[in-house]
């Protein structure tokens, strides 16, 4: 018997009743989800209710989308949070990549803890994230330029 197996013969009456309640994860998760607060947001005249927690599919797709150029990947990821084909709807309304980033940051934070992040804070976090992305290539370019100068100086100085 593995560590995960239960020895049903050693359970007393109370334990069996508790086991029955825990075995039905469908009922447990359904009851649990009704007690967790869910954030509502309005975008382009339509209301969306965020899920009570981040769907596993969303988390897995986030990993995939990071290295993808496919709009279909983004569509699938967004549909797990907002339903339907929101990417096309939002794009038709003129949503920018910044606005999408702010909505995603806001949504992720408020799914984890309802009311924990304002729209202004989500925008600030997005801007900080983008500033960090822009700074990395500039530092790398400066390092490359410094290395090239340093190598020229050493090689020409050593042979003269």
Protein backbone atom coordinates (compact mmCIF):
# COMPACT_ATOMS: atom_id res chain seq x y z
CA UNK A 1 0.00 0.00 0.00
CA UNK A 2 1.42 3.43 -0.94
CA UNK A 3 1.47 6.45 1.34
CA UNK A 4 -1.45 7.89 -0.60
CA UNK A 5 -3.68 4.82 -0.19
CA UNK A 6 -6.17 4.88 2.66
CA UNK A 7 -6.70 1.89 4.89
CA UNK A 8 -10.50 1.99 4.95
CA UNK A 9 -10.67 -0.67 7.66
CA UNK A 10 -9.03 1.66 10.19
CA UNK A 11 -11.39 4.59 9.56
CA UNK A 12 -14.05 5.17 12.16
CA UNK A 13 -17.61 6.32 11.38
CA UNK A 14 -16.76 10.05 11.59
CA UNK A 15 -13.77 9.67 9.31
CA UNK A 16 -15.90 7.87 6.71
CA UNK A 17 -18.40 10.71 6.70
CA UNK A 18 -15.59 13.24 6.35
CA UNK A 19 -14.04 11.17 3.54
CA UNK A 20 -17.38 11.16 1.68
CA UNK A 21 -17.53 14.97 1.87
CA UNK A 22 -13.98 15.36 0.59
CA UNK A 23 -14.25 12.84 -2.23
CA UNK A 24 -16.84 14.91 -4.09
CA UNK A 25 -14.50 17.61 -5.36
CA UNK A 26 -17.16 18.87 -7.78
CA UNK A 27 -19.45 19.77 -4.90
CA UNK A 28 -16.58 21.07 -2.79
CA UNK A 29 -15.21 23.36 -5.52
CA UNK A 30 -18.70 24.53 -6.51
CA UNK A 31 -19.47 25.50 -2.92
CA UNK A 32 -16.07 27.09 -2.46
CA UNK A 33 -16.39 29.19 -5.62
CA UNK A 34 -19.66 30.73 -4.47
CA UNK A 35 -17.99 32.11 -1.34
CA UNK A 36 -15.07 33.79 -3.12
CA UNK A 37 -15.65 37.38 -4.27
CA UNK A 38 -15.45 37.95 -8.03
CA UNK A 39 -14.47 41.24 -9.62
CA UNK A 40 -16.66 42.82 -12.29
CA UNK A 41 -15.26 45.05 -15.00
CA UNK A 42 -16.76 46.93 -17.93
CA UNK A 43 -14.96 47.32 -21.22
CA UNK A 44 -16.39 48.80 -24.41
CA UNK A 45 -19.90 48.75 -22.93
CA UNK A 46 -19.83 45.08 -21.99
CA UNK A 47 -19.51 43.69 -18.45
CA UNK A 48 -17.19 40.80 -17.62
CA UNK A 49 -17.06 38.84 -14.38
CA UNK A 50 -13.59 37.58 -13.61
CA UNK A 51 -13.28 33.96 -12.47
CA UNK A 52 -12.76 33.24 -8.78
CA UNK A 53 -9.22 32.01 -9.52
CA UNK A 54 -6.89 31.80 -12.49
CA UNK A 55 -7.92 28.89 -14.69
CA UNK A 56 -5.21 26.30 -15.21
CA UNK A 57 -5.67 26.61 -18.96
CA UNK A 58 -4.92 30.35 -18.75
CA UNK A 59 -1.72 29.72 -16.79
CA UNK A 60 -0.55 27.10 -19.29
CA UNK A 61 -1.42 29.29 -22.25
CA UNK A 62 0.44 32.28 -20.75
CA UNK A 63 3.63 30.24 -20.91
CA UNK A 64 2.94 29.33 -24.53
CA UNK A 65 1.89 32.83 -25.63
CA UNK A 66 5.07 34.45 -24.30
CA UNK A 67 7.03 33.02 -27.21
CA UNK A 68 4.23 33.03 -29.79
CA UNK A 69 3.34 35.48 -32.51
CA UNK A 70 -0.01 33.78 -33.14
CA UNK A 71 -3.18 35.80 -32.57
CA UNK A 72 -4.98 32.46 -32.13
CA UNK A 73 -2.89 31.73 -29.03
CA UNK A 74 -3.84 35.10 -27.55
CA UNK A 75 -7.51 34.51 -28.48
CA UNK A 76 -7.55 31.18 -26.63
CA UNK A 77 -5.87 32.65 -23.58
CA UNK A 78 -8.28 35.58 -23.35
CA UNK A 79 -11.34 33.41 -23.89
CA UNK A 80 -10.48 31.39 -20.77
CA UNK A 81 -10.80 34.59 -18.68
CA UNK A 82 -13.40 36.63 -20.51
CA UNK A 83 -15.25 34.13 -22.71
CA UNK A 84 -16.04 34.32 -26.39
CA UNK A 85 -13.84 35.98 -28.95
CA UNK A 86 -12.95 39.10 -26.98
CA UNK A 87 -9.65 39.72 -28.78
CA UNK A 88 -11.43 40.56 -32.04
CA UNK A 89 -14.11 42.57 -30.24
CA UNK A 90 -11.54 44.61 -28.36
CA UNK A 91 -9.36 45.07 -31.44
CA UNK A 92 -12.41 46.29 -33.39
CA UNK A 93 -12.87 48.94 -30.70
CA UNK A 94 -9.28 50.12 -31.18
CA UNK A 95 -7.66 48.57 -28.10
CA UNK A 96 -3.91 49.17 -27.98
CA UNK A 97 -1.27 46.73 -26.79
CA UNK A 98 -0.79 48.92 -23.69
CA UNK A 99 -4.50 48.81 -22.90
CA UNK A 100 -4.52 45.02 -23.28
CA UNK A 101 -1.53 44.77 -20.95
CA UNK A 102 -3.24 46.96 -18.35
CA UNK A 103 -6.44 44.90 -18.54
CA UNK A 104 -4.46 41.67 -18.10
CA UNK A 105 -2.47 42.98 -15.13
CA UNK A 106 -5.63 44.35 -13.50
CA UNK A 107 -7.52 41.11 -14.13
CA UNK A 108 -4.78 38.79 -12.88
CA UNK A 109 -4.33 40.79 -9.67
CA UNK A 110 -8.06 40.98 -8.97
CA UNK A 111 -8.61 37.31 -9.71
CA UNK A 112 -6.04 36.44 -7.06
CA UNK A 113 -7.58 38.89 -4.57
CA UNK A 114 -10.69 40.81 -5.52
CA UNK A 115 -10.25 44.57 -5.14
CA UNK A 116 -6.49 44.35 -4.69
CA UNK A 117 -5.48 46.41 -7.73
CA UNK A 118 -6.88 49.60 -9.21
CA UNK A 119 -6.82 50.43 -12.91
CA UNK A 120 -4.31 53.21 -12.22
CA UNK A 121 -2.02 50.79 -10.38
CA UNK A 122 -2.31 48.25 -13.20
CA UNK A 123 -1.29 50.97 -15.68
CA UNK A 124 1.65 51.94 -13.46
CA UNK A 125 2.78 48.30 -13.24
CA UNK A 126 2.46 47.90 -17.01
CA UNK A 127 4.55 51.03 -17.61
CA UNK A 128 7.23 49.81 -15.18
CA UNK A 129 7.30 46.45 -16.92
CA UNK A 130 7.67 48.07 -20.33
CA UNK A 131 10.39 50.42 -19.07
CA UNK A 132 12.30 47.39 -17.80
CA UNK A 133 12.03 45.72 -21.20
CA UNK A 134 13.35 48.82 -22.95
CA UNK A 135 16.25 49.25 -20.54
CA UNK A 136 17.65 45.74 -21.03
CA UNK A 137 18.57 46.10 -24.73
CA UNK A 138 20.13 49.52 -24.09
CA UNK A 139 22.38 48.13 -21.35
CA UNK A 140 23.30 45.20 -23.57
CA UNK A 141 24.15 47.56 -26.42
CA UNK A 142 26.33 49.66 -24.09
CA UNK A 143 28.15 46.58 -22.82
CA UNK A 144 28.79 45.38 -26.36
CA UNK A 145 30.15 48.80 -27.33
CA UNK A 146 32.37 48.88 -24.23
CA UNK A 147 33.73 45.40 -24.91
CA UNK A 148 34.57 46.29 -28.51
CA UNK A 149 36.42 49.46 -27.42
CA UNK A 150 38.26 47.57 -24.70
CA UNK A 151 39.42 44.83 -27.06
CA UNK A 152 40.68 47.31 -29.66
CA UNK A 153 42.64 49.25 -27.10
CA UNK A 154 44.29 46.13 -25.64
CA UNK A 155 45.14 44.50 -28.94
CA UNK A 156 46.63 47.63 -30.51
CA UNK A 157 48.45 48.61 -27.34
CA UNK A 158 49.97 45.16 -26.83
CA UNK A 159 51.55 44.93 -30.29
CA UNK A 160 53.15 48.37 -30.55
